[in-house]
N, C-alpha and C. Protein backbone atom coordinates (compact mmCIF):
# COMPACT_ATOMS: atom_id res chain seq x y z
N UNK A 1 76.75 6.16 147.85
CA UNK A 1 77.34 7.35 147.22
C UNK A 1 78.65 6.99 146.55
N UNK A 2 78.83 7.49 145.29
CA UNK A 2 80.03 7.24 144.55
C UNK A 2 81.14 8.23 144.91
N UNK A 3 82.33 7.67 145.25
CA UNK A 3 83.46 8.63 145.50
C UNK A 3 84.56 8.32 144.54
N UNK A 4 85.18 9.39 143.97
CA UNK A 4 86.37 9.19 143.11
C UNK A 4 87.52 8.82 143.93
N UNK A 5 88.55 8.08 143.37
CA UNK A 5 89.70 7.65 144.19
C UNK A 5 90.81 8.71 144.13
N UNK A 6 90.73 9.71 143.23
CA UNK A 6 91.72 10.69 143.23
C UNK A 6 91.09 12.10 143.01
N UNK A 7 91.75 13.14 143.53
CA UNK A 7 91.32 14.51 143.31
C UNK A 7 89.98 14.73 143.84
N UNK A 8 89.63 14.13 144.97
CA UNK A 8 88.35 14.28 145.61
C UNK A 8 88.49 14.96 146.94
N UNK A 9 88.26 16.25 147.02
CA UNK A 9 88.53 16.98 148.35
C UNK A 9 87.37 16.72 149.27
N UNK A 10 86.24 16.25 148.85
CA UNK A 10 85.06 16.17 149.71
C UNK A 10 84.34 14.78 149.42
N UNK A 11 83.01 14.81 149.81
CA UNK A 11 82.36 13.48 149.75
C UNK A 11 81.81 13.24 148.34
N UNK A 12 81.81 14.18 147.43
CA UNK A 12 81.14 13.87 146.13
C UNK A 12 82.18 13.62 145.02
N UNK A 13 81.70 12.90 144.01
CA UNK A 13 82.58 12.62 142.86
C UNK A 13 81.79 12.67 141.54
N UNK A 14 82.41 12.17 140.49
CA UNK A 14 81.85 12.14 139.17
C UNK A 14 80.39 11.49 139.13
N UNK A 15 80.31 10.37 139.87
CA UNK A 15 79.09 9.59 139.89
C UNK A 15 77.89 10.33 140.50
N UNK A 16 78.13 11.41 141.24
CA UNK A 16 77.10 12.07 141.94
C UNK A 16 76.33 13.14 141.03
N UNK A 17 76.94 13.38 139.88
CA UNK A 17 76.33 14.34 138.97
C UNK A 17 75.37 13.63 138.03
N UNK A 18 74.13 14.09 137.93
CA UNK A 18 73.12 13.45 137.04
C UNK A 18 72.88 14.39 135.87
N UNK A 19 73.27 13.91 134.71
CA UNK A 19 73.05 14.74 133.46
C UNK A 19 71.82 14.22 132.82
N UNK A 20 70.73 15.03 132.81
CA UNK A 20 69.41 14.62 132.22
C UNK A 20 69.44 14.73 130.69
N UNK A 21 70.22 15.77 130.18
CA UNK A 21 70.25 15.99 128.75
C UNK A 21 71.50 16.72 128.42
N UNK A 22 72.00 16.41 127.24
CA UNK A 22 73.22 17.08 126.72
C UNK A 22 73.01 17.38 125.25
N UNK A 23 73.24 18.65 124.82
CA UNK A 23 73.02 19.06 123.47
C UNK A 23 74.16 19.87 122.97
N UNK A 24 74.74 19.50 121.75
CA UNK A 24 75.70 20.36 121.17
C UNK A 24 75.04 21.54 120.47
N UNK A 25 75.42 22.73 120.90
CA UNK A 25 74.78 24.01 120.46
C UNK A 25 75.70 24.72 119.43
N UNK A 26 77.01 24.30 119.34
CA UNK A 26 77.87 24.92 118.40
C UNK A 26 78.98 23.85 118.08
N UNK A 27 79.40 23.74 116.81
CA UNK A 27 80.40 22.88 116.40
C UNK A 27 81.25 23.52 115.32
N UNK A 28 82.43 23.88 115.66
CA UNK A 28 83.35 24.54 114.79
C UNK A 28 84.73 23.86 115.06
N UNK A 29 85.83 24.73 115.04
CA UNK A 29 87.11 24.19 115.51
C UNK A 29 87.03 23.59 116.91
N UNK A 30 86.24 24.29 117.75
CA UNK A 30 85.93 23.79 119.08
C UNK A 30 84.40 23.51 119.11
N UNK A 31 83.91 23.04 120.28
CA UNK A 31 82.55 22.65 120.37
C UNK A 31 81.93 23.31 121.69
N UNK A 32 80.73 23.61 121.62
CA UNK A 32 79.96 24.12 122.86
C UNK A 32 78.79 23.20 123.05
N UNK A 33 78.72 22.67 124.28
CA UNK A 33 77.55 21.82 124.61
C UNK A 33 76.75 22.49 125.73
N UNK A 34 75.46 22.21 125.73
CA UNK A 34 74.54 22.67 126.82
C UNK A 34 74.10 21.46 127.62
N UNK A 35 74.28 21.52 128.94
CA UNK A 35 73.97 20.41 129.83
C UNK A 35 72.80 20.80 130.75
N UNK A 36 71.84 19.85 130.98
CA UNK A 36 70.84 19.96 131.97
C UNK A 36 71.19 18.98 133.06
N UNK A 37 71.46 19.42 134.23
CA UNK A 37 72.01 18.56 135.30
C UNK A 37 71.61 18.90 136.74
N UNK A 38 71.90 18.00 137.63
CA UNK A 38 71.69 18.28 139.05
C UNK A 38 72.76 17.45 139.77
N UNK A 39 72.91 17.86 141.07
CA UNK A 39 73.92 17.20 141.91
C UNK A 39 73.48 17.34 143.40
N UNK A 40 74.08 16.60 144.34
CA UNK A 40 73.75 16.75 145.79
C UNK A 40 74.19 18.10 146.30
N UNK A 41 73.52 18.52 147.36
CA UNK A 41 73.90 19.72 148.08
C UNK A 41 74.75 19.31 149.34
N UNK A 42 75.63 20.14 149.72
CA UNK A 42 76.51 19.90 150.91
C UNK A 42 75.65 19.60 152.12
N UNK A 43 74.55 20.47 152.29
CA UNK A 43 73.72 20.39 153.41
C UNK A 43 72.67 19.27 153.34
N UNK A 44 72.67 18.53 152.26
CA UNK A 44 71.69 17.45 152.11
C UNK A 44 70.68 17.84 151.04
N UNK A 45 70.08 16.83 150.48
CA UNK A 45 69.13 17.02 149.42
C UNK A 45 69.81 17.19 148.05
N UNK A 46 69.00 17.62 147.04
CA UNK A 46 69.47 17.67 145.72
C UNK A 46 69.28 19.05 145.13
N UNK A 47 70.19 19.54 144.37
CA UNK A 47 70.03 20.82 143.65
C UNK A 47 68.86 20.66 142.64
N UNK A 48 67.96 21.67 142.46
CA UNK A 48 67.04 21.63 141.28
C UNK A 48 67.80 21.60 139.97
N UNK A 49 67.22 20.97 139.00
CA UNK A 49 67.84 20.89 137.68
C UNK A 49 68.20 22.28 137.18
N UNK A 50 69.46 22.42 136.67
CA UNK A 50 69.91 23.70 136.08
C UNK A 50 70.68 23.44 134.82
N UNK A 51 71.03 24.49 134.08
CA UNK A 51 71.77 24.34 132.82
C UNK A 51 73.13 24.99 132.92
N UNK A 52 74.02 24.42 132.16
CA UNK A 52 75.35 25.03 132.03
C UNK A 52 75.81 24.87 130.58
N UNK A 53 76.48 25.92 130.02
CA UNK A 53 77.08 25.82 128.70
C UNK A 53 78.61 25.44 128.94
N UNK A 54 79.05 24.45 128.17
CA UNK A 54 80.41 23.94 128.45
C UNK A 54 81.25 23.98 127.16
N UNK A 55 82.33 24.70 127.22
CA UNK A 55 83.25 24.75 126.05
C UNK A 55 84.12 23.57 126.04
N UNK A 56 83.93 22.72 124.94
CA UNK A 56 84.65 21.47 124.81
C UNK A 56 85.93 21.69 124.12
N UNK A 57 86.97 21.79 124.81
CA UNK A 57 88.28 22.09 124.26
C UNK A 57 89.26 21.00 124.80
N UNK A 58 89.99 20.38 123.87
CA UNK A 58 90.86 19.31 124.22
C UNK A 58 92.00 19.71 125.21
N UNK A 59 92.66 18.71 125.75
CA UNK A 59 93.86 19.00 126.58
C UNK A 59 94.93 19.59 125.77
N UNK A 60 95.86 20.27 126.47
CA UNK A 60 97.00 20.92 125.82
C UNK A 60 98.23 20.70 126.65
N UNK A 61 99.40 20.88 126.04
CA UNK A 61 100.69 20.73 126.71
C UNK A 61 101.43 22.05 126.52
N UNK A 62 102.00 22.55 127.56
CA UNK A 62 102.86 23.77 127.63
C UNK A 62 104.22 23.42 128.17
N UNK A 63 105.26 24.00 127.65
CA UNK A 63 106.57 23.86 128.16
C UNK A 63 107.33 25.11 128.22
N UNK A 64 108.01 25.31 129.41
CA UNK A 64 108.96 26.43 129.55
C UNK A 64 110.32 25.95 129.25
N UNK A 65 110.95 26.38 128.08
CA UNK A 65 112.34 25.98 127.84
C UNK A 65 113.25 26.73 128.65
N UNK A 66 114.24 25.96 129.30
CA UNK A 66 115.16 26.51 130.23
C UNK A 66 116.59 26.00 129.93
N UNK A 67 117.54 26.89 129.87
CA UNK A 67 118.91 26.65 129.75
C UNK A 67 119.59 26.84 131.16
N UNK A 68 119.95 25.73 131.86
CA UNK A 68 120.52 25.86 133.21
C UNK A 68 121.97 26.45 133.18
N UNK A 69 122.65 26.27 132.04
CA UNK A 69 124.05 26.74 131.98
C UNK A 69 124.11 28.27 131.84
N UNK A 70 123.17 28.81 131.10
CA UNK A 70 123.05 30.22 130.87
C UNK A 70 122.05 30.99 131.76
N UNK A 71 121.21 30.18 132.53
CA UNK A 71 120.19 30.79 133.33
C UNK A 71 119.22 31.59 132.50
N UNK A 72 118.91 31.07 131.41
CA UNK A 72 117.91 31.74 130.42
C UNK A 72 116.77 30.88 130.15
N UNK A 73 115.68 31.54 129.80
CA UNK A 73 114.46 30.89 129.39
C UNK A 73 114.07 31.34 127.95
N UNK A 74 113.23 30.58 127.30
CA UNK A 74 112.72 30.97 125.97
C UNK A 74 111.29 31.26 126.07
N UNK A 75 110.88 32.42 125.62
CA UNK A 75 109.45 32.79 125.55
C UNK A 75 109.07 33.17 124.14
N UNK A 76 107.81 32.79 123.84
CA UNK A 76 107.27 32.96 122.46
C UNK A 76 106.31 34.15 122.37
N UNK A 77 106.51 35.01 121.43
CA UNK A 77 105.60 36.21 121.23
C UNK A 77 104.65 35.90 120.06
N UNK A 78 103.35 35.92 120.32
CA UNK A 78 102.44 35.73 119.24
C UNK A 78 101.07 36.36 119.54
N UNK A 79 100.27 36.52 118.52
CA UNK A 79 99.01 37.20 118.56
C UNK A 79 97.95 36.28 119.16
N UNK A 80 97.06 36.85 120.14
CA UNK A 80 96.04 36.09 120.71
C UNK A 80 94.72 36.88 120.62
N UNK A 81 93.70 36.38 119.89
CA UNK A 81 92.46 37.03 119.65
C UNK A 81 91.72 37.30 120.99
N UNK A 82 91.93 36.43 121.94
CA UNK A 82 91.13 36.54 123.22
C UNK A 82 91.57 37.82 124.07
N UNK A 83 92.59 38.54 123.61
CA UNK A 83 92.94 39.76 124.32
C UNK A 83 92.42 41.00 123.65
N UNK A 84 91.75 40.90 122.46
CA UNK A 84 91.22 42.03 121.81
C UNK A 84 90.22 42.75 122.63
N UNK A 85 90.28 44.03 122.57
CA UNK A 85 89.34 44.86 123.39
C UNK A 85 89.82 45.21 124.75
N UNK A 86 90.95 44.65 125.16
CA UNK A 86 91.52 44.97 126.48
C UNK A 86 92.58 46.04 126.33
N UNK A 87 92.98 46.66 127.47
CA UNK A 87 93.98 47.77 127.44
C UNK A 87 95.35 47.23 127.48
N UNK A 88 95.67 46.27 126.57
CA UNK A 88 97.05 45.78 126.47
C UNK A 88 97.16 45.26 125.03
N UNK A 89 98.41 44.99 124.64
CA UNK A 89 98.63 44.43 123.33
C UNK A 89 98.13 43.00 123.25
N UNK A 90 97.56 42.56 122.08
CA UNK A 90 97.16 41.19 121.97
C UNK A 90 98.29 40.32 121.53
N UNK A 91 99.50 40.77 121.50
CA UNK A 91 100.69 39.89 121.30
C UNK A 91 101.26 39.63 122.65
N UNK A 92 101.21 38.34 123.02
CA UNK A 92 101.62 37.98 124.38
C UNK A 92 102.99 37.14 124.40
N UNK A 93 103.59 37.16 125.54
CA UNK A 93 104.78 36.35 125.78
C UNK A 93 104.29 35.10 126.50
N UNK A 94 104.59 34.00 125.86
CA UNK A 94 103.95 32.68 126.27
C UNK A 94 105.08 31.60 126.27
N UNK A 95 104.59 30.38 126.60
CA UNK A 95 105.36 29.17 126.52
C UNK A 95 105.24 28.50 125.15
N UNK A 96 106.08 27.55 124.87
CA UNK A 96 105.79 26.53 123.83
C UNK A 96 104.56 25.82 124.25
N UNK A 97 103.61 25.68 123.31
CA UNK A 97 102.36 24.98 123.61
C UNK A 97 101.67 24.47 122.42
N UNK A 98 100.84 23.49 122.64
CA UNK A 98 100.05 22.86 121.58
C UNK A 98 98.93 22.00 122.05
N UNK A 99 97.99 21.78 121.21
CA UNK A 99 96.89 20.88 121.58
C UNK A 99 97.30 19.41 121.46
N UNK A 100 96.87 18.59 122.39
CA UNK A 100 97.20 17.15 122.38
C UNK A 100 96.22 16.52 121.36
N UNK A 101 96.88 15.82 120.35
CA UNK A 101 96.07 15.05 119.36
C UNK A 101 95.79 13.69 119.85
N UNK A 102 94.82 13.04 119.25
CA UNK A 102 94.42 11.66 119.68
C UNK A 102 95.65 10.77 119.55
N UNK A 103 95.90 9.99 120.63
CA UNK A 103 96.98 9.03 120.63
C UNK A 103 98.32 9.59 120.99
N UNK A 104 98.48 10.90 121.21
CA UNK A 104 99.70 11.57 121.57
C UNK A 104 99.81 11.63 123.12
N UNK A 105 100.94 11.37 123.65
CA UNK A 105 101.20 11.68 125.05
C UNK A 105 101.60 13.12 125.14
N UNK A 106 101.45 13.76 126.38
CA UNK A 106 101.93 15.11 126.55
C UNK A 106 103.36 15.35 126.20
N UNK A 107 104.21 14.32 126.49
CA UNK A 107 105.62 14.39 126.18
C UNK A 107 105.82 14.48 124.65
N UNK A 108 105.09 13.70 123.95
CA UNK A 108 105.28 13.79 122.47
C UNK A 108 104.76 15.12 121.91
N UNK A 109 103.72 15.66 122.52
CA UNK A 109 103.29 17.03 122.12
C UNK A 109 104.36 18.00 122.40
N UNK A 110 104.97 17.96 123.58
CA UNK A 110 106.06 18.87 123.96
C UNK A 110 107.20 18.87 122.89
N UNK A 111 107.62 17.74 122.55
CA UNK A 111 108.72 17.66 121.58
C UNK A 111 108.31 18.14 120.23
N UNK A 112 107.12 17.82 119.85
CA UNK A 112 106.66 18.26 118.48
C UNK A 112 106.54 19.79 118.40
N UNK A 113 105.98 20.41 119.46
CA UNK A 113 105.74 21.81 119.49
C UNK A 113 107.05 22.57 119.69
N UNK A 114 107.94 21.97 120.41
CA UNK A 114 109.28 22.62 120.60
C UNK A 114 109.97 22.85 119.31
N UNK A 115 109.88 21.89 118.40
CA UNK A 115 110.41 22.01 116.99
C UNK A 115 109.66 23.02 116.15
N UNK A 116 108.31 22.84 116.20
CA UNK A 116 107.44 23.62 115.28
C UNK A 116 107.39 25.12 115.67
N UNK A 117 107.31 25.34 116.94
CA UNK A 117 107.14 26.77 117.37
C UNK A 117 108.38 27.53 117.68
N UNK A 118 109.48 26.79 117.97
CA UNK A 118 110.74 27.52 118.38
C UNK A 118 112.01 26.91 117.82
N UNK A 119 111.90 25.82 117.04
CA UNK A 119 113.13 25.20 116.55
C UNK A 119 113.98 24.58 117.68
N UNK A 120 113.39 24.18 118.77
CA UNK A 120 114.11 23.69 119.97
C UNK A 120 114.00 22.20 120.10
N UNK A 121 114.99 21.58 120.61
CA UNK A 121 115.02 20.21 120.95
C UNK A 121 115.20 20.09 122.45
N UNK A 122 114.21 19.47 123.11
CA UNK A 122 114.29 19.29 124.55
C UNK A 122 115.14 18.04 124.95
N UNK A 123 116.20 18.30 125.62
CA UNK A 123 117.05 17.16 126.15
C UNK A 123 116.38 16.34 127.21
N UNK A 124 115.64 17.03 128.08
CA UNK A 124 114.91 16.42 129.15
C UNK A 124 113.67 17.27 129.42
N UNK A 125 112.67 16.56 129.96
CA UNK A 125 111.43 17.29 130.40
C UNK A 125 111.09 16.92 131.78
N UNK A 126 110.79 18.00 132.65
CA UNK A 126 110.37 17.72 134.02
C UNK A 126 108.93 18.21 134.15
N UNK A 127 108.09 17.36 134.75
CA UNK A 127 106.71 17.71 134.97
C UNK A 127 106.60 18.80 135.95
N UNK A 128 105.78 19.83 135.74
CA UNK A 128 105.51 20.84 136.67
C UNK A 128 104.24 20.55 137.35
N UNK A 129 103.11 20.41 136.56
CA UNK A 129 101.80 20.05 137.18
C UNK A 129 100.76 19.91 135.99
N UNK A 130 99.67 19.39 136.34
CA UNK A 130 98.46 19.52 135.43
C UNK A 130 97.48 20.40 136.11
N UNK A 131 96.83 21.28 135.29
CA UNK A 131 95.83 22.12 135.92
C UNK A 131 94.67 22.44 134.94
N UNK A 132 93.52 22.65 135.56
CA UNK A 132 92.28 23.02 134.84
C UNK A 132 92.32 24.52 134.58
N UNK A 133 92.10 24.88 133.29
CA UNK A 133 92.26 26.27 132.85
C UNK A 133 91.12 27.14 133.43
N UNK A 134 89.88 26.73 133.17
CA UNK A 134 88.73 27.47 133.62
C UNK A 134 87.58 26.55 133.82
N UNK A 135 87.58 25.73 134.91
CA UNK A 135 86.66 24.63 135.08
C UNK A 135 85.18 25.08 135.26
N UNK A 136 84.95 26.37 135.45
CA UNK A 136 83.59 26.85 135.49
C UNK A 136 82.85 26.69 134.12
N UNK A 137 83.57 26.64 133.03
CA UNK A 137 82.94 26.64 131.81
C UNK A 137 83.69 25.94 130.63
N UNK A 138 84.94 25.37 130.93
CA UNK A 138 85.70 24.78 129.88
C UNK A 138 86.26 23.42 130.37
N UNK A 139 86.46 22.48 129.47
CA UNK A 139 86.96 21.19 129.83
C UNK A 139 88.47 21.11 129.71
N UNK A 140 89.18 22.20 129.35
CA UNK A 140 90.61 22.11 129.01
C UNK A 140 91.43 21.84 130.28
N UNK A 141 92.37 20.90 130.07
CA UNK A 141 93.38 20.55 131.05
C UNK A 141 94.75 20.84 130.45
N UNK A 142 95.63 21.53 131.18
CA UNK A 142 96.96 21.80 130.75
C UNK A 142 97.99 20.86 131.42
N UNK A 143 98.81 20.25 130.62
CA UNK A 143 99.93 19.48 131.09
C UNK A 143 101.19 20.37 131.04
N UNK A 144 101.74 20.71 132.08
CA UNK A 144 102.78 21.76 132.15
C UNK A 144 104.12 21.13 132.50
N UNK A 145 105.16 21.50 131.72
CA UNK A 145 106.52 21.03 131.81
C UNK A 145 107.49 22.12 131.82
N UNK A 146 108.71 21.75 132.28
CA UNK A 146 109.94 22.55 132.10
C UNK A 146 110.84 21.69 131.22
N UNK A 147 111.44 22.29 130.20
CA UNK A 147 112.25 21.50 129.25
C UNK A 147 113.69 22.06 129.20
N UNK A 148 114.55 21.11 129.23
CA UNK A 148 116.03 21.40 129.18
C UNK A 148 116.42 21.66 127.73
N UNK A 149 116.95 22.85 127.50
CA UNK A 149 117.41 23.25 126.17
C UNK A 149 118.74 23.99 126.25
N UNK A 150 119.35 24.21 125.09
CA UNK A 150 120.44 25.13 124.97
C UNK A 150 119.88 26.34 124.24
N UNK A 151 120.12 27.54 124.74
CA UNK A 151 119.64 28.76 124.14
C UNK A 151 120.65 29.42 123.27
N UNK A 152 121.81 28.70 123.07
CA UNK A 152 122.93 29.26 122.32
C UNK A 152 122.57 29.83 120.89
N UNK A 153 121.65 29.04 120.28
CA UNK A 153 121.25 29.44 118.87
C UNK A 153 119.73 29.66 118.76
N UNK A 154 119.14 29.82 119.92
CA UNK A 154 117.64 29.98 119.90
C UNK A 154 117.30 31.43 119.39
N UNK A 155 116.13 31.53 118.79
CA UNK A 155 115.64 32.85 118.30
C UNK A 155 115.01 32.70 116.92
N UNK A 156 114.63 33.81 116.33
CA UNK A 156 114.08 33.80 115.02
C UNK A 156 112.59 33.73 115.00
N UNK A 157 112.05 33.64 113.77
CA UNK A 157 110.56 33.53 113.48
C UNK A 157 110.26 32.13 113.20
N UNK A 158 109.16 31.65 113.77
CA UNK A 158 108.81 30.25 113.67
C UNK A 158 107.29 30.11 113.49
N UNK A 159 106.81 28.83 113.38
CA UNK A 159 105.40 28.58 113.32
C UNK A 159 105.04 27.99 111.98
N UNK A 160 103.81 27.38 111.94
CA UNK A 160 103.33 26.68 110.71
C UNK A 160 102.41 27.66 109.94
N UNK A 161 102.80 27.96 108.72
CA UNK A 161 102.09 28.94 107.96
C UNK A 161 100.61 28.49 107.76
N UNK A 162 100.38 27.27 107.49
CA UNK A 162 99.00 26.75 107.28
C UNK A 162 98.13 26.84 108.47
N UNK A 163 98.67 26.95 109.69
CA UNK A 163 97.92 27.15 110.88
C UNK A 163 97.88 28.63 111.31
N UNK A 164 98.35 29.48 110.43
CA UNK A 164 98.37 30.95 110.67
C UNK A 164 99.18 31.31 111.91
N UNK A 165 100.32 30.63 112.05
CA UNK A 165 101.16 30.89 113.21
C UNK A 165 102.28 31.88 112.76
N UNK A 166 102.52 32.85 113.57
CA UNK A 166 103.59 33.80 113.31
C UNK A 166 104.22 34.09 114.70
N UNK A 167 105.30 33.37 114.97
CA UNK A 167 105.84 33.27 116.35
C UNK A 167 107.31 33.84 116.35
N UNK A 168 107.51 34.80 117.23
CA UNK A 168 108.88 35.39 117.42
C UNK A 168 109.40 34.71 118.80
N UNK A 169 110.58 34.24 118.61
CA UNK A 169 111.25 33.56 119.81
C UNK A 169 112.21 34.53 120.52
N UNK A 170 112.00 34.65 121.82
CA UNK A 170 112.84 35.48 122.68
C UNK A 170 113.66 34.69 123.66
N UNK A 171 114.85 34.99 123.80
CA UNK A 171 115.74 34.40 124.91
C UNK A 171 115.90 35.43 125.97
N UNK A 172 115.46 35.06 127.14
CA UNK A 172 115.37 36.03 128.29
C UNK A 172 116.06 35.48 129.55
N UNK A 173 116.89 36.27 130.21
CA UNK A 173 117.36 35.83 131.51
C UNK A 173 116.22 35.41 132.43
N UNK A 174 116.40 34.41 133.26
CA UNK A 174 115.32 33.96 134.14
C UNK A 174 114.95 35.05 135.08
N UNK A 175 115.84 35.85 135.57
CA UNK A 175 115.57 36.91 136.51
C UNK A 175 114.68 37.97 135.89
N UNK A 176 114.88 38.23 134.54
CA UNK A 176 114.09 39.24 133.87
C UNK A 176 112.72 38.67 133.62
N UNK A 177 112.61 37.36 133.29
CA UNK A 177 111.35 36.75 133.07
C UNK A 177 110.45 36.77 134.30
N UNK A 178 111.10 36.57 135.40
CA UNK A 178 110.38 36.67 136.75
C UNK A 178 109.86 38.11 136.94
N UNK A 179 110.70 39.14 136.61
CA UNK A 179 110.32 40.47 136.78
C UNK A 179 109.17 40.87 135.83
N UNK A 180 109.03 40.17 134.73
CA UNK A 180 107.95 40.43 133.78
C UNK A 180 106.61 40.12 134.33
N UNK A 181 106.64 39.08 135.24
CA UNK A 181 105.35 38.79 135.96
C UNK A 181 104.98 39.95 136.84
N UNK A 182 105.92 40.48 137.55
CA UNK A 182 105.60 41.55 138.47
C UNK A 182 105.11 42.84 137.78
N UNK A 183 105.66 43.19 136.62
CA UNK A 183 105.29 44.44 135.95
C UNK A 183 104.15 44.20 134.92
N UNK A 184 103.58 42.93 134.79
CA UNK A 184 102.46 42.69 133.93
C UNK A 184 102.78 42.30 132.51
N UNK A 185 104.12 42.34 132.10
CA UNK A 185 104.37 42.01 130.76
C UNK A 185 104.04 40.54 130.46
N UNK A 186 104.01 39.64 131.48
CA UNK A 186 103.58 38.31 131.36
C UNK A 186 102.34 38.14 132.27
N UNK A 187 101.20 37.88 131.63
CA UNK A 187 99.97 37.74 132.47
C UNK A 187 99.06 36.63 131.99
N UNK A 188 99.67 35.54 131.41
CA UNK A 188 98.95 34.35 131.13
C UNK A 188 99.28 33.27 132.09
N UNK A 189 98.34 32.41 132.47
CA UNK A 189 98.49 31.43 133.58
C UNK A 189 99.63 30.48 133.43
N UNK A 190 99.74 29.89 132.26
CA UNK A 190 100.74 28.79 132.09
C UNK A 190 102.18 29.39 132.24
N UNK A 191 102.46 30.57 131.77
CA UNK A 191 103.71 31.19 131.90
C UNK A 191 104.02 31.58 133.35
N UNK A 192 103.03 32.15 133.99
CA UNK A 192 103.22 32.51 135.37
C UNK A 192 103.46 31.35 136.28
N UNK A 193 102.67 30.26 136.12
CA UNK A 193 102.89 29.09 136.93
C UNK A 193 104.25 28.53 136.75
N UNK A 194 104.61 28.33 135.41
CA UNK A 194 105.89 27.65 135.09
C UNK A 194 107.10 28.49 135.62
N UNK A 195 107.08 29.81 135.41
CA UNK A 195 108.15 30.64 135.79
C UNK A 195 108.26 30.66 137.32
N UNK A 196 107.14 30.77 138.03
CA UNK A 196 107.27 30.77 139.47
C UNK A 196 107.77 29.41 140.01
N UNK A 197 107.35 28.33 139.37
CA UNK A 197 107.85 27.01 139.70
C UNK A 197 109.29 26.96 139.48
N UNK A 198 109.76 27.46 138.33
CA UNK A 198 111.27 27.47 138.06
C UNK A 198 112.01 28.28 138.98
N UNK A 199 111.41 29.41 139.41
CA UNK A 199 112.07 30.29 140.44
C UNK A 199 112.40 29.44 141.69
N UNK A 200 111.47 28.55 142.03
CA UNK A 200 111.65 27.73 143.24
C UNK A 200 112.59 26.53 142.98
N UNK A 201 112.71 26.07 141.72
CA UNK A 201 113.39 24.81 141.44
C UNK A 201 114.63 24.93 140.50
N UNK A 202 115.05 26.17 140.20
CA UNK A 202 116.14 26.28 139.21
C UNK A 202 117.47 25.80 139.80
N UNK A 203 117.67 25.96 141.07
CA UNK A 203 118.95 25.48 141.69
C UNK A 203 119.04 23.97 141.52
N UNK A 204 117.96 23.30 141.83
CA UNK A 204 117.94 21.80 141.72
C UNK A 204 118.16 21.37 140.29
N UNK A 205 117.43 22.05 139.33
CA UNK A 205 117.55 21.73 137.90
C UNK A 205 118.90 22.00 137.39
N UNK A 206 119.49 23.11 137.87
CA UNK A 206 120.83 23.50 137.42
C UNK A 206 121.84 22.43 137.78
N UNK A 207 121.72 21.92 139.07
CA UNK A 207 122.58 20.81 139.49
C UNK A 207 122.39 19.55 138.68
N UNK A 208 121.16 19.33 138.26
CA UNK A 208 120.84 18.06 137.61
C UNK A 208 121.10 18.12 136.17
N UNK A 209 120.92 19.29 135.48
CA UNK A 209 121.08 19.46 134.08
C UNK A 209 122.29 20.10 133.54
N UNK A 210 123.01 20.90 134.33
CA UNK A 210 124.15 21.68 133.76
C UNK A 210 125.19 20.73 133.28
N UNK A 211 125.75 21.20 132.15
CA UNK A 211 126.85 20.42 131.52
C UNK A 211 126.42 19.20 130.77
N UNK A 212 125.15 18.89 130.71
CA UNK A 212 124.65 17.75 129.95
C UNK A 212 124.56 18.17 128.52
N UNK A 213 125.01 17.24 127.62
CA UNK A 213 124.86 17.50 126.13
C UNK A 213 123.59 16.90 125.72
């Protein structure tokens, strides 16, 4: 039996999954594949062959910009089509974020997107975590960071016109951003995870980052 050396909570790993067939059923900006597969059962034996549709979406990097001297964070407001039809505005408050291109490290993506989406330069980056967005049907992995910035001149409208980006930058006290999670104004996973992490770690980061140019 094959076991992975990392992120393996139990007896099975990548090598235990048998993919009999894989077919691309849609190819656009993203890709959708259909898989015919089987894997072992916990109680013994093998699952009968079944199918799954898999959304092939590349990894992405998200950054929560934080000013430890002002105790402020930067949040981006932009339109998200995935919220259409729900009982809330499709303009969300989010983090700096972008898709990882081939050959780019997550840190390089963070610095690129900080400039493009918010006009920000990260003095330092601290890793928060990596997490799978929706592993039941998507391949996407998020690399999540907190970035050291000055919010003194942050704000305005940003984004790349050719990519149909229209982004408004908000500077928000950390305490207010945390309250936004409680009242539902922030309800996307990356922002929630990063803000709750910062709530636990901001004293340490303030000691490490405050007063740095």
